[in-house]
Amino acid sequence: MSDNAEPARAELLLIEANYEGSETTIVLDGEFDMTGTELFWAHLSEAVDTHPESVILDARDLTFIDSSGLLALLRARDAAVEAGVAFRISEPSPALRRLAELGGVVDLLLAE
């Protein structure tokens, strides 16, 4: 395999979870499309299972998001709310903000 090989699509989304007190922050970095939804759900499920008061998604470094990524965020919001956990997105990237506006979900997803 060549050193110049393109990274796999799933490698284009980096996710980091930070647990601090009663708050969990999930940092999304890169491109969020269908290939990243499984990894995202693993992090979100683990975060919600710790029963924090809130889950915050730091989305400032998302460079791309498609409809499957947006749907995953909407479902994450619903799952958190159903578990009694506050959910919000901090500093949505321009790509996320634009897609949320196009999808008509700014009020649901990006309430600040």
C-alpha atoms as a PDB file:
ATOM      1  CA  MET A   1       0.000   0.000   0.000  1.00  0.00           C
ATOM      2  CA  SER A   2       1.298   3.429  -0.907  1.00  0.00           C
ATOM      3  CA  ASP A   3       2.183   6.088   1.641  1.00  0.00           C
ATOM      4  CA  ASN A   4       0.054   8.473  -0.431  1.00  0.00           C
ATOM      5  CA  ALA A   5      -3.142   6.453   0.049  1.00  0.00           C
ATOM      6  CA  GLU A   6      -6.286   8.400   0.858  1.00  0.00           C
ATOM      7  CA  PRO A   7      -7.543   7.895   4.438  1.00  0.00           C
ATOM      8  CA  ALA A   8     -10.700   5.857   4.864  1.00  0.00           C
ATOM      9  CA  ARG A   9     -13.830   8.032   5.136  1.00  0.00           C
ATOM     10  CA  ALA A  10     -14.417   7.029   8.775  1.00  0.00           C
ATOM     11  CA  GLU A  11     -10.933   8.322   9.567  1.00  0.00           C
ATOM     12  CA  LEU A  12     -11.998  11.771   8.387  1.00  0.00           C
ATOM     13  CA  LEU A  13     -14.158  12.245  11.501  1.00  0.00           C
ATOM     14  CA  LEU A  14     -12.382  12.445  14.817  1.00  0.00           C
ATOM     15  CA  ILE A  15     -14.450  12.230  17.978  1.00  0.00           C
ATOM     16  CA  GLU A  16     -13.301  12.841  21.509  1.00  0.00           C
ATOM     17  CA  ALA A  17     -15.407  12.655  24.656  1.00  0.00           C
ATOM     18  CA  ASN A  18     -14.454  14.658  27.736  1.00  0.00           C
ATOM     19  CA  TYR A  19     -16.131  13.836  31.041  1.00  0.00           C
ATOM     20  CA  GLU A  20     -15.996  16.634  33.582  1.00  0.00           C
ATOM     21  CA  GLY A  21     -18.270  16.566  36.600  1.00  0.00           C
ATOM     22  CA  SER A  22     -21.889  16.350  35.540  1.00  0.00           C
ATOM     23  CA  GLU A  23     -21.131  17.492  31.996  1.00  0.00           C
ATOM     24  CA  THR A  24     -19.928  15.518  29.001  1.00  0.00           C
ATOM     25  CA  THR A  25     -18.491  17.266  25.974  1.00  0.00           C
ATOM     26  CA  ILE A  26     -18.207  15.407  22.684  1.00  0.00           C
ATOM     27  CA  VAL A  27     -15.831  17.097  20.257  1.00  0.00           C
ATOM     28  CA  LEU A  28     -16.447  16.524  16.544  1.00  0.00           C
ATOM     29  CA  ASP A  29     -13.619  17.294  14.135  1.00  0.00           C
ATOM     30  CA  GLY A  30     -13.596  16.743  10.379  1.00  0.00           C
ATOM     31  CA  GLU A  31     -16.206  15.330   8.029  1.00  0.00           C
ATOM     32  CA  PHE A  32     -19.422  13.843   9.427  1.00  0.00           C
ATOM     33  CA  ASP A  33     -21.236  11.656   6.944  1.00  0.00           C
ATOM     34  CA  MET A  34     -22.740   8.166   6.933  1.00  0.00           C
ATOM     35  CA  THR A  35     -19.357   6.556   7.602  1.00  0.00           C
ATOM     36  CA  GLY A  36     -19.030   8.362  10.946  1.00  0.00           C
ATOM     37  CA  THR A  37     -22.474   7.694  12.390  1.00  0.00           C
ATOM     38  CA  GLU A  38     -21.567   4.391  14.076  1.00  0.00           C
ATOM     39  CA  LEU A  39     -18.549   5.911  15.801  1.00  0.00           C
ATOM     40  CA  PHE A  40     -20.618   8.935  16.845  1.00  0.00           C
ATOM     41  CA  TRP A  41     -23.359   6.708  18.315  1.00  0.00           C
ATOM     42  CA  ALA A  42     -20.799   4.729  20.296  1.00  0.00           C
ATOM     43  CA  HIS A  43     -19.526   7.930  21.929  1.00  0.00           C
ATOM     44  CA  LEU A  44     -22.990   9.367  22.475  1.00  0.00           C
ATOM     45  CA  SER A  45     -24.356   6.149  23.995  1.00  0.00           C
ATOM     46  CA  GLU A  46     -21.419   5.906  26.368  1.00  0.00           C
ATOM     47  CA  ALA A  47     -21.874   9.543  27.367  1.00  0.00           C
ATOM     48  CA  VAL A  48     -25.611   9.200  28.036  1.00  0.00           C
ATOM     49  CA  ASP A  49     -25.034   5.955  29.964  1.00  0.00           C
ATOM     50  CA  THR A  50     -22.912   7.879  32.498  1.00  0.00           C
ATOM     51  CA  HIS A  51     -26.049   9.923  33.361  1.00  0.00           C
ATOM     52  CA  PRO A  52     -24.577  13.410  33.087  1.00  0.00           C
ATOM     53  CA  GLU A  53     -26.733  16.476  33.574  1.00  0.00           C
ATOM     54  CA  SER A  54     -25.800  17.624  30.092  1.00  0.00           C
ATOM     55  CA  VAL A  55     -24.148  16.546  26.866  1.00  0.00           C
ATOM     56  CA  ILE A  56     -22.536  19.292  24.823  1.00  0.00           C
ATOM     57  CA  LEU A  57     -21.386  18.764  21.269  1.00  0.00           C
ATOM     58  CA  ASP A  58     -18.466  20.944  20.301  1.00  0.00           C
ATOM     59  CA  ALA A  59     -18.961  21.174  16.535  1.00  0.00           C
ATOM     60  CA  ARG A  60     -16.723  24.130  15.682  1.00  0.00           C
ATOM     61  CA  ASP A  61     -14.265  21.935  13.762  1.00  0.00           C
ATOM     62  CA  LEU A  62     -16.761  20.120  11.547  1.00  0.00           C
ATOM     63  CA  THR A  63     -15.634  20.913   8.033  1.00  0.00           C
ATOM     64  CA  PHE A  64     -18.408  18.935   6.328  1.00  0.00           C
ATOM     65  CA  ILE A  65     -21.690  17.349   7.361  1.00  0.00           C
ATOM     66  CA  ASP A  66     -24.303  15.683   5.197  1.00  0.00           C
ATOM     67  CA  SER A  67     -27.903  14.661   5.831  1.00  0.00           C
ATOM     68  CA  SER A  68     -26.904  11.413   7.573  1.00  0.00           C
ATOM     69  CA  GLY A  69     -24.711  13.363   9.991  1.00  0.00           C
ATOM     70  CA  LEU A  70     -27.492  15.858  10.619  1.00  0.00           C
ATOM     71  CA  LEU A  71     -29.971  13.030  11.223  1.00  0.00           C
ATOM     72  CA  ALA A  72     -27.539  11.458  13.703  1.00  0.00           C
ATOM     73  CA  LEU A  73     -27.374  14.766  15.602  1.00  0.00           C
ATOM     74  CA  LEU A  74     -31.152  15.061  15.682  1.00  0.00           C
ATOM     75  CA  ARG A  75     -31.487  11.485  16.931  1.00  0.00           C
ATOM     76  CA  ALA A  76     -28.770  12.138  19.513  1.00  0.00           C
ATOM     77  CA  ARG A  77     -30.716  15.119  20.784  1.00  0.00           C
ATOM     78  CA  ASP A  78     -33.863  12.986  21.065  1.00  0.00           C
ATOM     79  CA  ALA A  79     -31.995  10.163  22.843  1.00  0.00           C
ATOM     80  CA  ALA A  80     -30.466  12.566  25.354  1.00  0.00           C
ATOM     81  CA  VAL A  81     -33.765  14.300  26.069  1.00  0.00           C
ATOM     82  CA  GLU A  82     -35.489  10.926  26.475  1.00  0.00           C
ATOM     83  CA  ALA A  83     -32.824   9.953  29.024  1.00  0.00           C
ATOM     84  CA  GLY A  84     -33.387  13.220  30.912  1.00  0.00           C
ATOM     85  CA  VAL A  85     -30.071  14.698  29.808  1.00  0.00           C
ATOM     86  CA  ALA A  86     -29.828  18.271  28.549  1.00  0.00           C
ATOM     87  CA  PHE A  87     -28.372  18.477  25.035  1.00  0.00           C
ATOM     88  CA  ARG A  88     -26.880  21.353  23.118  1.00  0.00           C
ATOM     89  CA  ILE A  89     -24.441  22.103  20.357  1.00  0.00           C
ATOM     90  CA  SER A  90     -21.780  24.628  21.167  1.00  0.00           C
ATOM     91  CA  GLU A  91     -20.257  26.708  18.420  1.00  0.00           C
ATOM     92  CA  PRO A  92     -21.725  24.975  15.363  1.00  0.00           C
ATOM     93  CA  SER A  93     -19.434  25.161  12.374  1.00  0.00           C
ATOM     94  CA  PRO A  94     -20.535  27.119   9.310  1.00  0.00           C
ATOM     95  CA  ALA A  95     -21.145  23.786   7.519  1.00  0.00           C
ATOM     96  CA  LEU A  96     -23.450  22.545  10.299  1.00  0.00           C
ATOM     97  CA  ARG A  97     -25.255  25.867  10.612  1.00  0.00           C
ATOM     98  CA  ARG A  98     -25.877  26.003   6.851  1.00  0.00           C
ATOM     99  CA  LEU A  99     -27.213  22.433   6.686  1.00  0.00           C
ATOM    100  CA  ALA A 100     -29.447  22.992   9.725  1.00  0.00           C
ATOM    101  CA  GLU A 101     -30.831  26.126   8.077  1.00  0.00           C
ATOM    102  CA  LEU A 102     -31.445  24.295   4.792  1.00  0.00           C
ATOM    103  CA  GLY A 103     -33.105  21.438   6.660  1.00  0.00           C
ATOM    104  CA  GLY A 104     -35.296  23.768   8.699  1.00  0.00           C
ATOM    105  CA  VAL A 105     -34.033  22.418  12.019  1.00  0.00           C
ATOM    106  CA  VAL A 106     -32.128  25.395  13.395  1.00  0.00           C
ATOM    107  CA  ASP A 107     -34.626  25.869  16.231  1.00  0.00           C
ATOM    108  CA  LEU A 108     -34.476  22.198  17.204  1.00  0.00           C
ATOM    109  CA  LEU A 109     -30.788  21.628  16.837  1.00  0.00           C
ATOM    110  CA  LEU A 110     -28.996  24.904  17.290  1.00  0.00           C
ATOM    111  CA  ALA A 111     -30.981  26.546  20.068  1.00  0.00           C
ATOM    112  CA  GLU A 112     -28.497  28.714  21.885  1.00  0.00           C
END
